[in-house]
Amino acid sequence: MILEAAVLPVIPARVAEFEAAFAEAQTLIAGMPGYRGHELQRCLETPGRYLLLVRWDSVADHEEGFRRSPAYQEWKRLLHHFYQPFPLVEHFTLACGGFAANA
């Protein structure tokens, strides 16, 4: 499994619109082959900065499967106009385990 990570620099005056559009757009990736889950985190220190984490079975599931699909065209239509500048997207693999949080 790999982790896609993207810091999303959303225009601060448009964060409410972005979050509404993301709520719609997230359904597009959820049905893609190789998709395992995602989360969108809002930065506490910087208004308009978000962290998108998506778990995929492989980089190919993201790069070839999702990004070459009609669903990605809709994703772009819904979200890409909110970014300034356009985000860098990278893929990660687990290097070391973590500790579970206390409940």
PDB file of N, CA and C in Angstrom:
ATOM      1  N   MET A   1       0.850  -1.180   0.000  1.00  0.00           N
ATOM      2  CA  MET A   1       0.000   0.000   0.000  1.00  0.00           C
ATOM      3  C   MET A   1       0.890   1.235   0.000  1.00  0.00           C
ATOM      4  N   ILE A   2       0.439   2.282  -0.683  1.00  0.00           N
ATOM      5  CA  ILE A   2       1.170   3.551  -0.717  1.00  0.00           C
ATOM      6  C   ILE A   2       0.257   4.663  -0.205  1.00  0.00           C
ATOM      7  N   LEU A   3       0.889   5.757   0.166  1.00  0.00           N
ATOM      8  CA  LEU A   3       0.172   6.923   0.666  1.00  0.00           C
ATOM      9  C   LEU A   3       0.459   8.095  -0.254  1.00  0.00           C
ATOM     10  N   GLU A   4      -0.584   8.619  -0.863  1.00  0.00           N
ATOM     11  CA  GLU A   4      -0.490   9.852  -1.650  1.00  0.00           C
ATOM     12  C   GLU A   4      -0.649  11.003  -0.675  1.00  0.00           C
ATOM     13  N   ALA A   5       0.230  11.995  -0.756  1.00  0.00           N
ATOM     14  CA  ALA A   5       0.150  13.162   0.126  1.00  0.00           C
ATOM     15  C   ALA A   5       0.238  14.429  -0.712  1.00  0.00           C
ATOM     16  N   ALA A   6      -0.680  15.349  -0.446  1.00  0.00           N
ATOM     17  CA  ALA A   6      -0.683  16.624  -1.163  1.00  0.00           C
ATOM     18  C   ALA A   6      -1.036  17.733  -0.181  1.00  0.00           C
ATOM     19  N   VAL A   7      -0.178  18.741  -0.108  1.00  0.00           N
ATOM     20  CA  VAL A   7      -0.511  19.951   0.641  1.00  0.00           C
ATOM     21  C   VAL A   7      -1.276  20.838  -0.336  1.00  0.00           C
ATOM     22  N   LEU A   8      -2.511  21.164   0.014  1.00  0.00           N
ATOM     23  CA  LEU A   8      -3.401  21.913  -0.874  1.00  0.00           C
ATOM     24  C   LEU A   8      -3.478  23.369  -0.420  1.00  0.00           C
ATOM     25  N   PRO A   9      -2.887  24.283  -1.168  1.00  0.00           N
ATOM     26  CA  PRO A   9      -2.942  25.704  -0.828  1.00  0.00           C
ATOM     27  C   PRO A   9      -4.203  26.342  -1.416  1.00  0.00           C
ATOM     28  N   VAL A  10      -5.263  26.345  -0.648  1.00  0.00           N
ATOM     29  CA  VAL A  10      -6.561  26.871  -1.088  1.00  0.00           C
ATOM     30  C   VAL A  10      -6.609  28.385  -0.846  1.00  0.00           C
ATOM     31  N   ILE A  11      -7.161  29.100  -1.780  1.00  0.00           N
ATOM     32  CA  ILE A  11      -7.329  30.547  -1.628  1.00  0.00           C
ATOM     33  C   ILE A  11      -8.148  30.777  -0.347  1.00  0.00           C
ATOM     34  N   PRO A  12      -7.584  31.461   0.655  1.00  0.00           N
ATOM     35  CA  PRO A  12      -8.241  31.570   1.963  1.00  0.00           C
ATOM     36  C   PRO A  12      -9.696  32.065   1.915  1.00  0.00           C
ATOM     37  N   ALA A  13     -10.017  32.977   1.041  1.00  0.00           N
ATOM     38  CA  ALA A  13     -11.389  33.489   0.969  1.00  0.00           C
ATOM     39  C   ALA A  13     -12.369  32.473   0.398  1.00  0.00           C
ATOM     40  N   ARG A  14     -11.858  31.322  -0.085  1.00  0.00           N
ATOM     41  CA  ARG A  14     -12.721  30.344  -0.743  1.00  0.00           C
ATOM     42  C   ARG A  14     -12.760  28.998  -0.024  1.00  0.00           C
ATOM     43  N   VAL A  15     -12.325  28.961   1.242  1.00  0.00           N
ATOM     44  CA  VAL A  15     -12.252  27.681   1.935  1.00  0.00           C
ATOM     45  C   VAL A  15     -13.617  27.020   2.112  1.00  0.00           C
ATOM     46  N   ALA A  16     -14.646  27.770   2.388  1.00  0.00           N
ATOM     47  CA  ALA A  16     -15.977  27.179   2.554  1.00  0.00           C
ATOM     48  C   ALA A  16     -16.451  26.543   1.242  1.00  0.00           C
ATOM     49  N   GLU A  17     -16.226  27.230   0.134  1.00  0.00           N
ATOM     50  CA  GLU A  17     -16.577  26.674  -1.182  1.00  0.00           C
ATOM     51  C   GLU A  17     -15.760  25.414  -1.466  1.00  0.00           C
ATOM     52  N   PHE A  18     -14.469  25.471  -1.140  1.00  0.00           N
ATOM     53  CA  PHE A  18     -13.602  24.326  -1.365  1.00  0.00           C
ATOM     54  C   PHE A  18     -14.088  23.115  -0.577  1.00  0.00           C
ATOM     55  N   GLU A  19     -14.379  23.299   0.692  1.00  0.00           N
ATOM     56  CA  GLU A  19     -14.815  22.165   1.517  1.00  0.00           C
ATOM     57  C   GLU A  19     -16.117  21.567   0.999  1.00  0.00           C
ATOM     58  N   ALA A  20     -17.026  22.402   0.523  1.00  0.00           N
ATOM     59  CA  ALA A  20     -18.275  21.898  -0.058  1.00  0.00           C
ATOM     60  C   ALA A  20     -17.991  21.114  -1.338  1.00  0.00           C
ATOM     61  N   ALA A  21     -17.106  21.633  -2.179  1.00  0.00           N
ATOM     62  CA  ALA A  21     -16.755  20.944  -3.418  1.00  0.00           C
ATOM     63  C   ALA A  21     -16.024  19.643  -3.118  1.00  0.00           C
ATOM     64  N   PHE A  22     -15.154  19.652  -2.100  1.00  0.00           N
ATOM     65  CA  PHE A  22     -14.435  18.431  -1.753  1.00  0.00           C
ATOM     66  C   PHE A  22     -15.390  17.352  -1.254  1.00  0.00           C
ATOM     67  N   ALA A  23     -16.406  17.750  -0.505  1.00  0.00           N
ATOM     68  CA  ALA A  23     -17.391  16.784  -0.018  1.00  0.00           C
ATOM     69  C   ALA A  23     -18.040  16.043  -1.186  1.00  0.00           C
ATOM     70  N   GLU A  24     -18.250  16.742  -2.278  1.00  0.00           N
ATOM     71  CA  GLU A  24     -18.797  16.113  -3.480  1.00  0.00           C
ATOM     72  C   GLU A  24     -17.722  15.299  -4.207  1.00  0.00           C
ATOM     73  N   ALA A  25     -16.537  15.868  -4.352  1.00  0.00           N
ATOM     74  CA  ALA A  25     -15.472  15.240  -5.126  1.00  0.00           C
ATOM     75  C   ALA A  25     -14.952  13.952  -4.495  1.00  0.00           C
ATOM     76  N   GLN A  26     -14.975  13.851  -3.181  1.00  0.00           N
ATOM     77  CA  GLN A  26     -14.397  12.679  -2.527  1.00  0.00           C
ATOM     78  C   GLN A  26     -15.082  11.379  -2.933  1.00  0.00           C
ATOM     79  N   THR A  27     -16.329  11.460  -3.343  1.00  0.00           N
ATOM     80  CA  THR A  27     -17.017  10.247  -3.796  1.00  0.00           C
ATOM     81  C   THR A  27     -16.422   9.716  -5.095  1.00  0.00           C
ATOM     82  N   LEU A  28     -15.762  10.580  -5.854  1.00  0.00           N
ATOM     83  CA  LEU A  28     -15.170  10.167  -7.124  1.00  0.00           C
ATOM     84  C   LEU A  28     -13.997   9.220  -6.925  1.00  0.00           C
ATOM     85  N   ILE A  29     -13.170   9.458  -5.917  1.00  0.00           N
ATOM     86  CA  ILE A  29     -12.026   8.573  -5.705  1.00  0.00           C
ATOM     87  C   ILE A  29     -12.427   7.309  -4.958  1.00  0.00           C
ATOM     88  N   ALA A  30     -13.470   7.411  -4.145  1.00  0.00           N
ATOM     89  CA  ALA A  30     -13.852   6.286  -3.286  1.00  0.00           C
ATOM     90  C   ALA A  30     -14.215   5.027  -4.072  1.00  0.00           C
ATOM     91  N   GLY A  31     -14.674   5.189  -5.290  1.00  0.00           N
ATOM     92  CA  GLY A  31     -15.061   4.030  -6.087  1.00  0.00           C
ATOM     93  C   GLY A  31     -13.994   3.531  -7.037  1.00  0.00           C
ATOM     94  N   MET A  32     -12.796   4.109  -6.981  1.00  0.00           N
ATOM     95  CA  MET A  32     -11.750   3.738  -7.931  1.00  0.00           C
ATOM     96  C   MET A  32     -11.051   2.441  -7.514  1.00  0.00           C
ATOM     97  N   PRO A  33     -10.663   1.610  -8.492  1.00  0.00           N
ATOM     98  CA  PRO A  33      -9.886   0.412  -8.155  1.00  0.00           C
ATOM     99  C   PRO A  33      -8.590   0.799  -7.442  1.00  0.00           C
ATOM    100  N   GLY A  34      -8.263   0.053  -6.406  1.00  0.00           N
ATOM    101  CA  GLY A  34      -7.044   0.302  -5.654  1.00  0.00           C
ATOM    102  C   GLY A  34      -7.169   1.326  -4.551  1.00  0.00           C
ATOM    103  N   TYR A  35      -8.301   2.010  -4.461  1.00  0.00           N
ATOM    104  CA  TYR A  35      -8.523   3.017  -3.411  1.00  0.00           C
ATOM    105  C   TYR A  35      -8.730   2.313  -2.083  1.00  0.00           C
ATOM    106  N   ARG A  36      -8.085   2.816  -1.020  1.00  0.00           N
ATOM    107  CA  ARG A  36      -8.211   2.214   0.314  1.00  0.00           C
ATOM    108  C   ARG A  36      -8.725   3.181   1.373  1.00  0.00           C
ATOM    109  N   GLY A  37      -8.720   4.475   1.116  1.00  0.00           N
ATOM    110  CA  GLY A  37      -9.220   5.429   2.097  1.00  0.00           C
ATOM    111  C   GLY A  37      -8.537   6.770   1.930  1.00  0.00           C
ATOM    112  N   HIS A  38      -9.142   7.787   2.542  1.00  0.00           N
ATOM    113  CA  HIS A  38      -8.552   9.125   2.454  1.00  0.00           C
ATOM    114  C   HIS A  38      -8.966   9.954   3.657  1.00  0.00           C
ATOM    115  N   GLU A  39      -8.269  11.062   3.831  1.00  0.00           N
ATOM    116  CA  GLU A  39      -8.652  12.062   4.820  1.00  0.00           C
ATOM    117  C   GLU A  39      -8.165  13.421   4.347  1.00  0.00           C
ATOM    118  N   LEU A  40      -8.918  14.430   4.684  1.00  0.00           N
ATOM    119  CA  LEU A  40      -8.556  15.813   4.400  1.00  0.00           C
ATOM    120  C   LEU A  40      -8.415  16.517   5.732  1.00  0.00           C
ATOM    121  N   GLN A  41      -7.218  17.055   5.997  1.00  0.00           N
ATOM    122  CA  GLN A  41      -6.933  17.739   7.254  1.00  0.00           C
ATOM    123  C   GLN A  41      -6.783  19.226   6.989  1.00  0.00           C
ATOM    124  N   ARG A  42      -7.355  20.053   7.873  1.00  0.00           N
ATOM    125  CA  ARG A  42      -7.239  21.516   7.787  1.00  0.00           C
ATOM    126  C   ARG A  42      -6.098  21.966   8.690  1.00  0.00           C
ATOM    127  N   CYS A  43      -5.207  22.794   8.170  1.00  0.00           N
ATOM    128  CA  CYS A  43      -4.070  23.298   8.941  1.00  0.00           C
ATOM    129  C   CYS A  43      -4.553  24.294  10.004  1.00  0.00           C
ATOM    130  N   LEU A  44      -4.032  24.175  11.210  1.00  0.00           N
ATOM    131  CA  LEU A  44      -4.405  25.075  12.293  1.00  0.00           C
ATOM    132  C   LEU A  44      -3.639  26.394  12.235  1.00  0.00           C
ATOM    133  N   GLU A  45      -2.418  26.356  11.695  1.00  0.00           N
ATOM    134  CA  GLU A  45      -1.586  27.551  11.696  1.00  0.00           C
ATOM    135  C   GLU A  45      -1.760  28.436  10.456  1.00  0.00           C
ATOM    136  N   THR A  46      -2.091  27.841   9.327  1.00  0.00           N
ATOM    137  CA  THR A  46      -2.133  28.596   8.071  1.00  0.00           C
ATOM    138  C   THR A  46      -3.519  28.510   7.437  1.00  0.00           C
ATOM    139  N   PRO A  47      -4.272  29.590   7.433  1.00  0.00           N
ATOM    140  CA  PRO A  47      -5.593  29.575   6.802  1.00  0.00           C
ATOM    141  C   PRO A  47      -5.488  29.189   5.323  1.00  0.00           C
ATOM    142  N   GLY A  48      -6.349  28.295   4.912  1.00  0.00           N
ATOM    143  CA  GLY A  48      -6.375  27.879   3.521  1.00  0.00           C
ATOM    144  C   GLY A  48      -5.460  26.720   3.184  1.00  0.00           C
ATOM    145  N   ARG A  49      -4.669  26.234   4.125  1.00  0.00           N
ATOM    146  CA  ARG A  49      -3.784  25.100   3.848  1.00  0.00           C
ATOM    147  C   ARG A  49      -4.434  23.811   4.347  1.00  0.00           C
ATOM    148  N   TYR A  50      -4.472  22.815   3.463  1.00  0.00           N
ATOM    149  CA  TYR A  50      -5.041  21.503   3.772  1.00  0.00           C
ATOM    150  C   TYR A  50      -4.019  20.430   3.441  1.00  0.00           C
ATOM    151  N   LEU A  51      -4.157  19.293   4.086  1.00  0.00           N
ATOM    152  CA  LEU A  51      -3.344  18.128   3.780  1.00  0.00           C
ATOM    153  C   LEU A  51      -4.296  17.017   3.356  1.00  0.00           C
ATOM    154  N   LEU A  52      -4.121  16.551   2.122  1.00  0.00           N
ATOM    155  CA  LEU A  52      -4.902  15.430   1.609  1.00  0.00           C
ATOM    156  C   LEU A  52      -4.034  14.182   1.632  1.00  0.00           C
ATOM    157  N   LEU A  53      -4.523  13.148   2.285  1.00  0.00           N
ATOM    158  CA  LEU A  53      -3.856  11.854   2.340  1.00  0.00           C
ATOM    159  C   LEU A  53      -4.793  10.815   1.742  1.00  0.00           C
ATOM    160  N   VAL A  54      -4.301  10.082   0.753  1.00  0.00           N
ATOM    161  CA  VAL A  54      -5.103   9.039   0.109  1.00  0.00           C
ATOM    162  C   VAL A  54      -4.286   7.759   0.100  1.00  0.00           C
ATOM    163  N   ARG A  55      -4.886   6.680   0.538  1.00  0.00           N
ATOM    164  CA  ARG A  55      -4.231   5.375   0.528  1.00  0.00           C
ATOM    165  C   ARG A  55      -4.674   4.606  -0.714  1.00  0.00           C
ATOM    166  N   TRP A  56      -3.671   4.115  -1.450  1.00  0.00           N
ATOM    167  CA  TRP A  56      -3.902   3.342  -2.670  1.00  0.00           C
ATOM    168  C   TRP A  56      -3.133   2.023  -2.568  1.00  0.00           C
ATOM    169  N   ASP A  57      -3.566   1.027  -3.312  1.00  0.00           N
ATOM    170  CA  ASP A  57      -2.803  -0.221  -3.381  1.00  0.00           C
ATOM    171  C   ASP A  57      -1.449   0.012  -4.047  1.00  0.00           C
ATOM    172  N   SER A  58      -1.408   0.893  -5.053  1.00  0.00           N
ATOM    173  CA  SER A  58      -0.162   1.132  -5.781  1.00  0.00           C
ATOM    174  C   SER A  58      -0.156   2.544  -6.363  1.00  0.00           C
ATOM    175  N   VAL A  59       1.025   3.011  -6.742  1.00  0.00           N
ATOM    176  CA  VAL A  59       1.138   4.297  -7.427  1.00  0.00           C
ATOM    177  C   VAL A  59       0.355   4.236  -8.736  1.00  0.00           C
ATOM    178  N   ALA A  60       0.416   3.113  -9.420  1.00  0.00           N
ATOM    179  CA  ALA A  60      -0.307   2.958 -10.687  1.00  0.00           C
ATOM    180  C   ALA A  60      -1.814   3.136 -10.508  1.00  0.00           C
ATOM    181  N   ASP A  61      -2.362   2.669  -9.395  1.00  0.00           N
ATOM    182  CA  ASP A  61      -3.798   2.861  -9.157  1.00  0.00           C
ATOM    183  C   ASP A  61      -4.147   4.341  -9.125  1.00  0.00           C
ATOM    184  N   HIS A  62      -3.260   5.152  -8.583  1.00  0.00           N
ATOM    185  CA  HIS A  62      -3.491   6.595  -8.543  1.00  0.00           C
ATOM    186  C   HIS A  62      -3.166   7.246  -9.880  1.00  0.00           C
ATOM    187  N   GLU A  63      -1.920   7.058 -10.347  1.00  0.00           N
ATOM    188  CA  GLU A  63      -1.424   7.769 -11.528  1.00  0.00           C
ATOM    189  C   GLU A  63      -2.078   7.312 -12.832  1.00  0.00           C
ATOM    190  N   GLU A  64      -2.230   6.017 -13.001  1.00  0.00           N
ATOM    191  CA  GLU A  64      -2.783   5.499 -14.248  1.00  0.00           C
ATOM    192  C   GLU A  64      -4.284   5.252 -14.145  1.00  0.00           C
ATOM    193  N   GLY A  65      -4.710   4.678 -13.021  1.00  0.00           N
ATOM    194  CA  GLY A  65      -6.129   4.371 -12.867  1.00  0.00           C
ATOM    195  C   GLY A  65      -6.984   5.612 -12.677  1.00  0.00           C
ATOM    196  N   PHE A  66      -6.727   6.350 -11.603  1.00  0.00           N
ATOM    197  CA  PHE A  66      -7.559   7.517 -11.304  1.00  0.00           C
ATOM    198  C   PHE A  66      -7.281   8.679 -12.247  1.00  0.00           C
ATOM    199  N   ARG A  67      -6.022   9.053 -12.403  1.00  0.00           N
ATOM    200  CA  ARG A  67      -5.703  10.257 -13.184  1.00  0.00           C
ATOM    201  C   ARG A  67      -6.005  10.128 -14.676  1.00  0.00           C
ATOM    202  N   ARG A  68      -6.198   8.945 -15.154  1.00  0.00           N
ATOM    203  CA  ARG A  68      -6.545   8.755 -16.567  1.00  0.00           C
ATOM    204  C   ARG A  68      -8.017   8.422 -16.752  1.00  0.00           C
ATOM    205  N   SER A  69      -8.788   8.575 -15.691  1.00  0.00           N
ATOM    206  CA  SER A  69     -10.210   8.210 -15.732  1.00  0.00           C
ATOM    207  C   SER A  69     -11.094   9.435 -15.952  1.00  0.00           C
ATOM    208  N   PRO A  70     -12.328   9.218 -16.408  1.00  0.00           N
ATOM    209  CA  PRO A  70     -13.297  10.317 -16.483  1.00  0.00           C
ATOM    210  C   PRO A  70     -13.567  10.934 -15.101  1.00  0.00           C
ATOM    211  N   ALA A  71     -13.464  10.137 -14.047  1.00  0.00           N
ATOM    212  CA  ALA A  71     -13.685  10.659 -12.689  1.00  0.00           C
ATOM    213  C   ALA A  71     -12.677  11.755 -12.358  1.00  0.00           C
ATOM    214  N   TYR A  72     -11.435  11.606 -12.851  1.00  0.00           N
ATOM    215  CA  TYR A  72     -10.429  12.628 -12.589  1.00  0.00           C
ATOM    216  C   TYR A  72     -10.765  13.946 -13.286  1.00  0.00           C
ATOM    217  N   GLN A  73     -11.346  13.871 -14.454  1.00  0.00           N
ATOM    218  CA  GLN A  73     -11.753  15.102 -15.148  1.00  0.00           C
ATOM    219  C   GLN A  73     -12.788  15.864 -14.328  1.00  0.00           C
ATOM    220  N   GLU A  74     -13.700  15.143 -13.704  1.00  0.00           N
ATOM    221  CA  GLU A  74     -14.693  15.772 -12.833  1.00  0.00           C
ATOM    222  C   GLU A  74     -14.031  16.304 -11.556  1.00  0.00           C
ATOM    223  N   TRP A  75     -13.090  15.557 -10.994  1.00  0.00           N
ATOM    224  CA  TRP A  75     -12.308  15.992  -9.830  1.00  0.00           C
ATOM    225  C   TRP A  75     -11.640  17.329 -10.123  1.00  0.00           C
ATOM    226  N   LYS A  76     -10.983  17.416 -11.283  1.00  0.00           N
ATOM    227  CA  LYS A  76     -10.327  18.662 -11.690  1.00  0.00           C
ATOM    228  C   LYS A  76     -11.338  19.803 -11.805  1.00  0.00           C
ATOM    229  N   ARG A  77     -12.470  19.537 -12.421  1.00  0.00           N
ATOM    230  CA  ARG A  77     -13.492  20.569 -12.595  1.00  0.00           C
ATOM    231  C   ARG A  77     -13.976  21.095 -11.245  1.00  0.00           C
ATOM    232  N   LEU A  78     -14.147  20.199 -10.294  1.00  0.00           N
ATOM    233  CA  LEU A  78     -14.663  20.586  -8.982  1.00  0.00           C
ATOM    234  C   LEU A  78     -13.634  21.303  -8.109  1.00  0.00           C
ATOM    235  N   LEU A  79     -12.352  20.942  -8.222  1.00  0.00           N
ATOM    236  CA  LEU A  79     -11.381  21.373  -7.216  1.00  0.00           C
ATOM    237  C   LEU A  79     -10.218  22.236  -7.683  1.00  0.00           C
ATOM    238  N   HIS A  80      -9.740  22.052  -8.882  1.00  0.00           N
ATOM    239  CA  HIS A  80      -8.460  22.660  -9.243  1.00  0.00           C
ATOM    240  C   HIS A  80      -8.458  24.185  -9.266  1.00  0.00           C
ATOM    241  N   HIS A  81      -9.574  24.813  -9.419  1.00  0.00           N
ATOM    242  CA  HIS A  81      -9.607  26.283  -9.451  1.00  0.00           C
ATOM    243  C   HIS A  81      -9.472  26.917  -8.058  1.00  0.00           C
ATOM    244  N   PHE A  82      -9.456  26.111  -7.004  1.00  0.00           N
ATOM    245  CA  PHE A  82      -9.299  26.639  -5.647  1.00  0.00           C
ATOM    246  C   PHE A  82      -7.831  26.786  -5.230  1.00  0.00           C
ATOM    247  N   TYR A  83      -6.899  26.176  -5.969  1.00  0.00           N
ATOM    248  CA  TYR A  83      -5.499  26.119  -5.545  1.00  0.00           C
ATOM    249  C   TYR A  83      -4.686  27.295  -6.068  1.00  0.00           C
ATOM    250  N   GLN A  84      -3.863  27.853  -5.168  1.00  0.00           N
ATOM    251  CA  GLN A  84      -2.939  28.914  -5.562  1.00  0.00           C
ATOM    252  C   GLN A  84      -1.711  28.846  -4.668  1.00  0.00           C
ATOM    253  N   PRO A  85      -0.582  28.303  -5.121  1.00  0.00           N
ATOM    254  CA  PRO A  85      -0.310  27.688  -6.417  1.00  0.00           C
ATOM    255  C   PRO A  85      -0.823  26.248  -6.465  1.00  0.00           C
ATOM    256  N   PHE A  86      -0.587  25.594  -7.590  1.00  0.00           N
ATOM    257  CA  PHE A  86      -1.037  24.209  -7.732  1.00  0.00           C
ATOM    258  C   PHE A  86      -0.217  23.320  -6.793  1.00  0.00           C
ATOM    259  N   PRO A  87      -0.852  22.346  -6.140  1.00  0.00           N
ATOM    260  CA  PRO A  87      -0.153  21.523  -5.147  1.00  0.00           C
ATOM    261  C   PRO A  87       0.818  20.510  -5.750  1.00  0.00           C
ATOM    262  N   LEU A  88       1.821  20.184  -4.966  1.00  0.00           N
ATOM    263  CA  LEU A  88       2.739  19.100  -5.266  1.00  0.00           C
ATOM    264  C   LEU A  88       2.148  17.831  -4.666  1.00  0.00           C
ATOM    265  N   VAL A  89       2.082  16.775  -5.456  1.00  0.00           N
ATOM    266  CA  VAL A  89       1.555  15.488  -4.996  1.00  0.00           C
ATOM    267  C   VAL A  89       2.697  14.486  -5.013  1.00  0.00           C
ATOM    268  N   GLU A  90       2.897  13.792  -3.890  1.00  0.00           N
ATOM    269  CA  GLU A  90       3.956  12.794  -3.786  1.00  0.00           C
ATOM    270  C   GLU A  90       3.392  11.506  -3.201  1.00  0.00           C
ATOM    271  N   HIS A  91       4.128  10.420  -3.402  1.00  0.00           N
ATOM    272  CA  HIS A  91       3.718   9.103  -2.924  1.00  0.00           C
ATOM    273  C   HIS A  91       4.742   8.586  -1.925  1.00  0.00           C
ATOM    274  N   PHE A  92       4.251   7.946  -0.872  1.00  0.00           N
ATOM    275  CA  PHE A  92       5.105   7.465   0.207  1.00  0.00           C
ATOM    276  C   PHE A  92       4.786   6.005   0.505  1.00  0.00           C
ATOM    277  N   THR A  93       5.791   5.336   1.051  1.00  0.00           N
ATOM    278  CA  THR A  93       5.616   3.975   1.525  1.00  0.00           C
ATOM    279  C   THR A  93       6.117   3.914   2.971  1.00  0.00           C
ATOM    280  N   LEU A  94       5.565   3.034   3.751  1.00  0.00           N
ATOM    281  CA  LEU A  94       5.885   2.959   5.174  1.00  0.00           C
ATOM    282  C   LEU A  94       7.344   2.572   5.394  1.00  0.00           C
ATOM    283  N   ALA A  95       8.045   3.362   6.159  1.00  0.00           N
ATOM    284  CA  ALA A  95       9.444   3.087   6.504  1.00  0.00           C
ATOM    285  C   ALA A  95       9.565   2.526   7.907  1.00  0.00           C
ATOM    286  N   CYS A  96       8.640   2.885   8.771  1.00  0.00           N
ATOM    287  CA  CYS A  96       8.707   2.464  10.176  1.00  0.00           C
ATOM    288  C   CYS A  96       7.310   2.530  10.756  1.00  0.00           C
ATOM    289  N   GLY A  97       6.953   1.616  11.629  1.00  0.00           N
ATOM    290  CA  GLY A  97       5.636   1.609  12.255  1.00  0.00           C
ATOM    291  C   GLY A  97       5.493   2.720  13.265  1.00  0.00           C
ATOM    292  N   GLY A  98       4.270   2.976  13.664  1.00  0.00           N
ATOM    293  CA  GLY A  98       3.994   4.024  14.641  1.00  0.00           C
ATOM    294  C   GLY A  98       3.378   3.438  15.888  1.00  0.00           C
ATOM    295  N   PHE A  99       3.016   4.312  16.785  1.00  0.00           N
ATOM    296  CA  PHE A  99       2.379   3.909  18.024  1.00  0.00           C
ATOM    297  C   PHE A  99       0.900   4.251  17.955  1.00  0.00           C
ATOM    298  N   ALA A 100       0.088   3.399  18.456  1.00  0.00           N
ATOM    299  CA  ALA A 100      -1.352   3.642  18.508  1.00  0.00           C
ATOM    300  C   ALA A 100      -1.651   4.671  19.591  1.00  0.00           C
ATOM    301  N   ALA A 101      -2.587   5.553  19.309  1.00  0.00           N
ATOM    302  CA  ALA A 101      -2.991   6.569  20.308  1.00  0.00           C
ATOM    303  C   ALA A 101      -3.812   5.894  21.393  1.00  0.00           C
ATOM    304  N   ASN A 102      -3.697   6.411  22.608  1.00  0.00           N
ATOM    305  CA  ASN A 102      -4.527   5.898  23.700  1.00  0.00           C
ATOM    306  C   ASN A 102      -5.966   6.340  23.496  1.00  0.00           C
ATOM    307  N   ALA A 103      -6.873   5.441  23.737  1.00  0.00           N
ATOM    308  CA  ALA A 103      -8.296   5.752  23.545  1.00  0.00           C
ATOM    309  C   ALA A 103      -8.858   6.497  24.722  1.00  0.00           C
TER     310      ALA A 103
END
